[in-house]
Amino acid sequence: MNKKTTIIVVAIVLVAAVAIAMVISRGGSVSEETEDGDKYTFTDSKGYEHTVTTPLTNVSIVHKYIPIFMKILGEEDQVAGIDSTYGAKFKDYFPNSFYIGNYSEPDGATMLAHGSKVILTPVTMGLSNSDALQQMGIEVIYIDLTDPYVIGDSLEIMVNLFGATSEVEKRAGQYMDLFNECYDFVDKFDFSSTADADFCLYMSSSGFYQTHESSAVKVIESISGRSYTHITDPNVKDTVYFNQSPTVIMDFDGKYGLDYLFLYSMDTPQLNLQKFLDSGNDLDFTKMSCFGNKKVFALSTDCVNGALSCVSLILYAQAFGADVGDKAVQMVQSFNDTFGLHFSTTDLIVQVA
């Protein structure tokens, strides 16, 4: 091999190395170009490895978190099947969509009849028939866009799944800029006076209490306070939410004092409160410390998990005494204006007791 040939070989190797580095930096393995598109290999949010041809098209989705991010990324036209339970409320976003049944058990035959061979599902409240769908030749991909601590990583996977085009990457960057703006805003406040306050997060519509394993609870604790489950169930592991006897929270209040109660669901603030009170059966929850101190708050469910989970930081900061002004409303409006979303800016947090 002469000197000229050696230089050419070295140059080819360097170009290949740069290409590999670029792909790895985008959260996947090396892409393989084919006639149909690039092959993208990645590990989803549940630990399953996939190799798919990108960009994805004609994709089915379930539940209420992934649809919003499809809109945020500008991939509305690629949404095919949506579930009739949660996805129905987003039908206006997706002109090519059709119903595939219940979110937990979508109808694979309907998907295939429309040519949809990929479904995106959340990790929690996901599919009960994933094995059956896979046997039908449908790719089941788990994406966690609920937990704010992994949204950035999950969004990077989404970007790659849809071809990592300049437009998709730009929109993902715009989202993360707004996401980080919420965190930066809250960082300037001092919450040391409520650091030891005990709180409970309760989902009124389902009757679920959140544990300190919940990402929504971890968001609150990142600002101030601590979940009561650190005391009632200190060894809890991998349990996000659970049903609980009404006596547990009353007994906790009697021994330690429950300082804050946060309620959320898809209902109005007052209905959230009433459902919580009714769950006590014969117990009078209004005798708890948080009611006496008027520290009971109802939050918009849109802001607790998902795309607007960063806004919940501002709402909890307000509950813990920070003068946040109308920053939360401003941020929701910014998300709406930037991505064409329709989130309500009213009753983001209401002091109900």
Protein backbone atom coordinates (compact mmCIF):
# COMPACT_ATOMS: atom_id res chain seq x y z
CA MET A 1 0.00 0.00 0.00
CA ASN A 2 1.57 3.31 -1.04
CA LYS A 3 1.49 6.56 0.97
CA LYS A 4 -1.44 8.02 -1.04
CA THR A 5 -3.57 4.90 -0.47
CA THR A 6 -2.79 4.97 3.27
CA ILE A 7 -3.94 8.58 3.56
CA ILE A 8 -7.22 7.78 1.83
CA VAL A 9 -7.89 4.78 4.12
CA VAL A 10 -7.14 6.84 7.25
CA ALA A 11 -9.50 9.57 6.06
CA ILE A 12 -12.31 7.06 5.49
CA VAL A 13 -11.79 5.61 8.96
CA LEU A 14 -11.90 9.07 10.55
CA VAL A 15 -15.12 9.98 8.72
CA ALA A 16 -16.71 6.71 9.85
CA ALA A 17 -15.62 7.35 13.45
CA VAL A 18 -17.15 10.81 13.39
CA ALA A 19 -20.41 9.41 11.99
CA ILE A 20 -20.55 6.76 14.73
CA ALA A 21 -19.86 9.36 17.42
CA MET A 22 -22.66 11.55 16.12
CA VAL A 23 -25.16 8.70 16.25
CA ILE A 24 -24.11 7.60 19.74
CA SER A 25 -24.39 11.18 21.01
CA ARG A 26 -28.04 11.12 19.94
CA GLY A 27 -28.90 8.30 22.32
CA GLY A 28 -28.88 5.30 19.98
CA SER A 29 -26.57 2.78 18.40
CA VAL A 30 -25.07 3.10 14.95
CA SER A 31 -27.75 3.69 12.32
CA GLU A 32 -27.66 1.53 9.23
CA GLU A 33 -28.86 3.17 6.04
CA THR A 34 -31.26 1.06 3.98
CA GLU A 35 -33.48 1.67 0.99
CA ASP A 36 -36.46 2.10 3.33
CA GLY A 37 -34.71 4.38 5.85
CA ASP A 38 -32.20 4.26 8.70
CA LYS A 39 -32.11 1.40 11.19
CA TYR A 40 -32.14 2.75 14.74
CA THR A 41 -31.31 0.46 17.67
CA PHE A 42 -32.22 1.62 21.18
CA THR A 43 -33.43 0.50 24.59
CA ASP A 44 -36.90 1.69 25.55
CA SER A 45 -38.06 2.94 28.95
CA LYS A 46 -38.88 -0.57 30.14
CA GLY A 47 -35.51 -2.00 29.18
CA TYR A 48 -36.50 -3.70 25.92
CA GLU A 49 -34.16 -3.37 22.95
CA HIS A 50 -35.58 -2.47 19.55
CA THR A 51 -34.26 -2.04 16.04
CA VAL A 52 -36.67 -0.06 13.89
CA THR A 53 -36.61 1.72 10.56
CA THR A 54 -36.84 5.46 10.97
CA PRO A 55 -38.52 7.79 10.62
CA LEU A 56 -41.55 6.04 12.07
CA THR A 57 -44.85 6.59 10.28
CA ASN A 58 -48.47 5.59 10.92
CA VAL A 59 -47.86 5.14 14.67
CA SER A 60 -50.52 4.20 17.22
CA ILE A 61 -50.42 5.67 20.74
CA VAL A 62 -52.25 5.11 24.02
CA HIS A 63 -52.94 7.07 27.19
CA LYS A 64 -52.61 10.83 27.60
CA TYR A 65 -48.91 11.69 27.87
CA ILE A 66 -47.42 10.49 24.59
CA PRO A 67 -50.09 12.20 22.41
CA ILE A 68 -49.07 15.61 23.74
CA PHE A 69 -45.43 14.99 22.85
CA MET A 70 -46.39 13.88 19.36
CA LYS A 71 -48.02 17.29 19.00
CA ILE A 72 -45.03 19.04 20.55
CA LEU A 73 -42.68 17.38 18.05
CA GLY A 74 -44.95 18.34 15.15
CA GLU A 75 -45.67 14.71 14.24
CA GLU A 76 -49.48 14.99 14.26
CA ASP A 77 -49.84 13.46 10.79
CA GLN A 78 -48.03 10.29 11.86
CA VAL A 79 -50.51 9.48 14.64
CA ALA A 80 -52.74 6.58 13.61
CA GLY A 81 -54.62 4.65 16.32
CA ILE A 82 -55.58 6.36 19.58
CA ASP A 83 -57.37 4.83 22.53
CA SER A 84 -61.01 5.66 23.19
CA THR A 85 -60.43 6.16 26.93
CA TYR A 86 -57.82 8.91 27.18
CA GLY A 87 -56.75 9.51 23.60
CA ALA A 88 -60.23 10.60 22.57
CA LYS A 89 -59.71 14.01 24.17
CA PHE A 90 -56.83 14.65 21.75
CA LYS A 91 -58.69 13.62 18.58
CA ASP A 92 -58.68 17.19 17.25
CA TYR A 93 -54.89 17.23 17.28
CA PHE A 94 -54.58 14.25 14.95
CA PRO A 95 -56.41 14.42 11.60
CA ASN A 96 -55.43 10.87 10.54
CA SER A 97 -56.35 9.12 13.79
CA PHE A 98 -58.85 6.35 14.46
CA TYR A 99 -59.94 4.55 17.62
CA ILE A 100 -58.33 1.26 18.66
CA GLY A 101 -60.32 0.57 21.83
CA ASN A 102 -59.39 0.72 25.50
CA TYR A 103 -55.98 2.16 26.38
CA SER A 104 -54.90 -0.98 28.25
CA GLU A 105 -55.95 -3.46 25.58
CA PRO A 106 -55.90 -1.85 22.12
CA ASP A 107 -57.21 -3.83 19.15
CA GLY A 108 -54.26 -4.99 17.07
CA ALA A 109 -56.48 -6.12 14.20
CA THR A 110 -57.81 -2.59 13.78
CA MET A 111 -54.27 -1.24 13.82
CA LEU A 112 -53.09 -3.66 11.15
CA ALA A 113 -56.15 -2.97 9.02
CA HIS A 114 -54.96 0.65 8.86
CA GLY A 115 -51.35 -0.35 8.26
CA SER A 116 -50.18 0.68 11.74
CA LYS A 117 -47.46 -1.70 12.98
CA VAL A 118 -45.93 0.32 15.84
CA ILE A 119 -47.55 1.37 19.12
CA LEU A 120 -46.11 3.74 21.73
CA THR A 121 -47.25 3.16 25.31
CA PRO A 122 -46.33 4.56 28.74
CA VAL A 123 -44.57 2.39 31.31
CA THR A 124 -47.19 2.84 34.04
CA MET A 125 -50.83 2.22 33.14
CA GLY A 126 -49.55 0.58 29.99
CA LEU A 127 -50.73 -2.40 27.95
CA SER A 128 -52.13 -5.67 29.27
CA ASN A 129 -51.95 -7.36 25.84
CA SER A 130 -48.45 -6.44 24.70
CA ASP A 131 -47.50 -10.08 24.08
CA ALA A 132 -50.54 -10.60 21.84
CA LEU A 133 -49.74 -7.45 19.88
CA GLN A 134 -46.14 -8.52 19.38
CA GLN A 135 -47.28 -11.94 18.16
CA MET A 136 -49.31 -10.09 15.52
CA GLY A 137 -46.14 -8.37 14.32
CA ILE A 138 -46.74 -5.05 16.08
CA GLU A 139 -43.72 -3.32 17.64
CA VAL A 140 -44.55 -2.30 21.23
CA ILE A 141 -42.34 0.56 22.44
CA TYR A 142 -42.47 1.84 26.01
CA ILE A 143 -41.78 5.56 26.42
CA ASP A 144 -41.78 7.24 29.85
CA LEU A 145 -43.00 10.81 29.36
CA THR A 146 -44.64 10.94 32.80
CA ASP A 147 -41.59 11.16 35.04
CA PRO A 148 -40.03 14.65 34.74
CA TYR A 149 -36.65 13.23 35.71
CA VAL A 150 -36.43 11.13 32.53
CA ILE A 151 -38.42 13.27 30.10
CA GLY A 152 -35.23 14.62 28.51
CA ASP A 153 -33.90 11.11 27.77
CA SER A 154 -37.27 9.87 26.54
CA LEU A 155 -37.69 12.89 24.31
CA GLU A 156 -34.29 12.16 22.77
CA ILE A 157 -35.50 8.68 21.82
CA MET A 158 -38.65 10.19 20.32
CA VAL A 159 -36.56 12.61 18.26
CA ASN A 160 -34.54 9.73 16.84
CA LEU A 161 -37.63 7.62 16.17
CA PHE A 162 -38.98 10.37 13.95
CA GLY A 163 -35.82 10.83 11.96
CA ALA A 164 -33.97 13.46 14.02
CA THR A 165 -34.85 16.06 11.39
CA SER A 166 -33.88 19.67 12.01
CA GLU A 167 -37.54 20.57 12.65
CA VAL A 168 -38.11 17.77 15.18
CA GLU A 169 -34.86 18.61 16.97
CA LYS A 170 -35.75 22.31 17.03
CA ARG A 171 -39.14 21.64 18.59
CA ALA A 172 -37.65 19.28 21.19
CA GLY A 173 -35.12 22.00 22.06
CA GLN A 174 -37.90 24.56 22.42
CA TYR A 175 -39.72 22.25 24.81
CA MET A 176 -36.64 21.64 26.96
CA ASP A 177 -35.97 25.40 27.11
CA LEU A 178 -39.44 25.99 28.58
CA PHE A 179 -39.07 22.95 30.84
CA ASN A 180 -35.79 24.27 32.25
CA GLU A 181 -37.20 27.78 32.62
CA CYS A 182 -39.63 26.47 35.25
CA TYR A 183 -36.81 24.83 37.21
CA ASP A 184 -34.59 27.91 37.02
CA PHE A 185 -37.44 30.12 38.21
CA VAL A 186 -38.15 28.02 41.31
CA ASP A 187 -34.46 27.65 42.19
CA LYS A 188 -34.27 31.27 43.36
CA PHE A 189 -36.62 30.75 46.33
CA ASP A 190 -35.70 29.63 49.85
CA PHE A 191 -37.93 26.85 51.24
CA SER A 192 -35.90 25.95 54.32
CA SER A 193 -38.76 26.92 56.66
CA THR A 194 -40.96 24.10 55.33
CA ALA A 195 -38.24 21.49 54.79
CA ASP A 196 -39.59 19.30 57.60
CA ALA A 197 -43.27 19.69 56.72
CA ASP A 198 -45.12 16.41 56.14
CA PHE A 199 -47.46 16.17 53.14
CA CYS A 200 -49.70 13.75 51.29
CA LEU A 201 -50.42 13.59 47.55
CA TYR A 202 -53.80 12.04 46.74
CA MET A 203 -55.44 11.32 43.39
CA SER A 204 -59.11 11.95 44.04
CA SER A 205 -60.61 10.38 40.92
CA SER A 206 -59.02 6.97 41.58
CA GLY A 207 -58.65 7.01 45.36
CA PHE A 208 -54.90 6.46 45.14
CA TYR A 209 -52.35 7.72 47.63
CA GLN A 210 -48.89 8.44 46.21
CA THR A 211 -45.78 7.03 47.86
CA HIS A 212 -42.34 8.60 48.00
CA GLU A 213 -41.41 6.33 45.06
CA SER A 214 -43.74 8.40 42.88
CA SER A 215 -42.03 10.87 40.56
CA ALA A 216 -44.81 13.37 41.32
CA VAL A 217 -43.97 13.14 45.04
CA LYS A 218 -40.26 13.45 44.31
CA VAL A 219 -40.99 16.71 42.51
CA ILE A 220 -42.64 18.10 45.65
CA GLU A 221 -39.77 16.89 47.83
CA SER A 222 -37.27 18.53 45.47
CA ILE A 223 -38.79 21.85 46.55
CA SER A 224 -39.67 21.28 50.21
CA GLY A 225 -41.35 18.96 52.67
CA ARG A 226 -41.42 15.18 52.83
CA SER A 227 -44.02 12.54 52.07
CA TYR A 228 -45.80 11.00 55.04
CA THR A 229 -45.05 7.53 53.57
CA HIS A 230 -41.43 7.89 54.69
CA ILE A 231 -42.84 7.19 58.16
CA THR A 232 -45.86 4.98 57.46
CA ASP A 233 -44.00 2.74 54.99
CA PRO A 234 -40.28 3.60 54.99
CA ASN A 235 -39.27 0.49 53.03
CA VAL A 236 -41.66 1.01 50.14
CA LYS A 237 -40.05 -0.06 46.87
CA ASP A 238 -41.28 0.36 43.31
CA THR A 239 -44.82 1.16 44.51
CA VAL A 240 -45.99 4.45 43.06
CA TYR A 241 -49.58 4.58 44.23
CA PHE A 242 -51.89 2.44 46.32
CA ASN A 243 -55.25 2.28 48.06
CA GLN A 244 -55.08 2.94 51.77
CA SER A 245 -57.37 2.63 54.76
CA PRO A 246 -58.65 6.10 55.78
CA THR A 247 -57.45 5.43 59.32
CA VAL A 248 -53.78 5.49 58.24
CA ILE A 249 -53.72 9.18 57.35
CA MET A 250 -55.80 10.09 60.41
CA ASP A 251 -53.49 8.12 62.70
CA PHE A 252 -50.46 9.78 61.09
CA ASP A 253 -51.95 13.21 61.68
CA GLY A 254 -52.65 12.35 65.31
CA LYS A 255 -49.04 11.31 65.92
CA TYR A 256 -47.07 13.69 63.70
CA GLY A 257 -49.42 16.26 62.19
CA LEU A 258 -50.06 16.28 58.44
CA ASP A 259 -49.00 19.78 57.38
CA TYR A 260 -50.01 19.77 53.69
CA LEU A 261 -52.49 17.87 51.55
CA PHE A 262 -52.26 18.02 47.74
CA LEU A 263 -55.17 16.73 45.67
CA TYR A 264 -55.38 16.20 41.94
CA SER A 265 -57.58 14.58 39.32
CA MET A 266 -59.43 15.57 36.18
CA ASP A 267 -62.28 17.05 38.23
CA THR A 268 -62.88 20.57 39.51
CA PRO A 269 -60.97 21.62 42.66
CA GLN A 270 -64.06 21.44 44.87
CA LEU A 271 -65.01 18.02 43.52
CA ASN A 272 -61.47 16.81 44.19
CA LEU A 273 -61.89 17.93 47.79
CA GLN A 274 -65.30 16.35 48.19
CA LYS A 275 -64.09 13.01 46.83
CA PHE A 276 -61.26 13.03 49.33
CA LEU A 277 -63.61 13.83 52.21
CA ASP A 278 -66.03 11.11 51.10
CA SER A 279 -63.20 8.55 51.01
CA GLY A 280 -62.93 8.91 54.77
CA ASN A 281 -66.28 7.18 55.21
CA ASP A 282 -67.24 7.85 58.84
CA LEU A 283 -63.98 9.66 59.63
CA ASP A 284 -63.93 13.46 59.59
CA PHE A 285 -60.83 14.36 57.61
CA THR A 286 -61.44 18.06 58.20
CA LYS A 287 -60.12 17.59 61.75
CA MET A 288 -56.62 16.99 60.41
CA SER A 289 -53.91 19.60 60.91
CA CYS A 290 -53.71 20.54 57.23
CA PHE A 291 -57.36 21.64 57.29
CA GLY A 292 -56.90 23.64 60.47
CA ASN A 293 -53.85 25.35 58.94
CA LYS A 294 -55.63 25.85 55.60
CA LYS A 295 -52.93 23.97 53.73
CA VAL A 296 -55.09 21.85 51.42
CA PHE A 297 -54.52 22.46 47.71
CA ALA A 298 -56.11 21.09 44.55
CA LEU A 299 -53.90 21.02 41.44
CA SER A 300 -54.72 20.66 37.79
CA THR A 301 -53.93 17.08 36.79
CA ASP A 302 -52.40 18.40 33.55
CA CYS A 303 -49.62 19.95 35.62
CA VAL A 304 -48.86 16.98 37.89
CA ASN A 305 -47.49 14.55 35.29
CA GLY A 306 -46.47 14.70 31.66
CA ALA A 307 -45.53 17.64 29.46
CA LEU A 308 -46.49 20.27 32.04
CA SER A 309 -44.98 18.50 35.04
CA CYS A 310 -42.37 21.26 35.18
CA VAL A 311 -45.17 23.78 35.85
CA SER A 312 -46.12 21.83 38.99
CA LEU A 313 -42.82 23.02 40.50
CA ILE A 314 -44.17 26.56 40.42
CA LEU A 315 -47.51 25.50 41.87
CA TYR A 316 -45.92 23.62 44.78
CA ALA A 317 -43.58 26.55 45.34
CA GLN A 318 -46.66 28.75 45.67
CA ALA A 319 -48.21 26.33 48.15
CA PHE A 320 -45.01 26.42 50.23
CA GLY A 321 -45.24 30.22 50.42
CA ALA A 322 -43.22 31.54 47.47
CA ASP A 323 -44.44 34.68 45.73
CA VAL A 324 -44.56 33.26 42.21
CA GLY A 325 -47.00 35.81 40.79
CA ASP A 326 -48.65 34.53 37.61
CA LYS A 327 -45.57 32.64 36.41
CA ALA A 328 -47.41 29.30 36.22
CA VAL A 329 -50.11 30.76 33.98
CA GLN A 330 -47.44 32.39 31.82
CA MET A 331 -45.62 29.10 31.39
CA VAL A 332 -48.76 27.14 30.44
CA GLN A 333 -49.59 29.85 27.91
CA SER A 334 -46.05 29.63 26.51
CA PHE A 335 -46.43 25.89 25.96
CA ASN A 336 -49.80 26.48 24.31
CA ASP A 337 -48.52 29.25 22.04
CA THR A 338 -45.32 27.46 21.05
CA PHE A 339 -46.81 24.08 20.23
CA GLY A 340 -50.47 24.75 19.45
CA LEU A 341 -51.71 23.09 22.65
CA HIS A 342 -55.00 23.79 24.42
CA PHE A 343 -54.20 23.45 28.13
CA SER A 344 -56.41 25.47 30.47
CA THR A 345 -54.74 28.27 32.42
CA THR A 346 -57.47 28.49 35.09
CA ASP A 347 -57.50 26.78 38.50
CA LEU A 348 -53.93 25.51 38.15
CA ILE A 349 -53.81 25.45 41.94
CA VAL A 350 -56.64 26.27 44.32
CA GLN A 351 -56.46 26.52 48.10
CA VAL A 352 -59.57 24.55 49.02
CA ALA A 353 -59.28 24.57 52.80
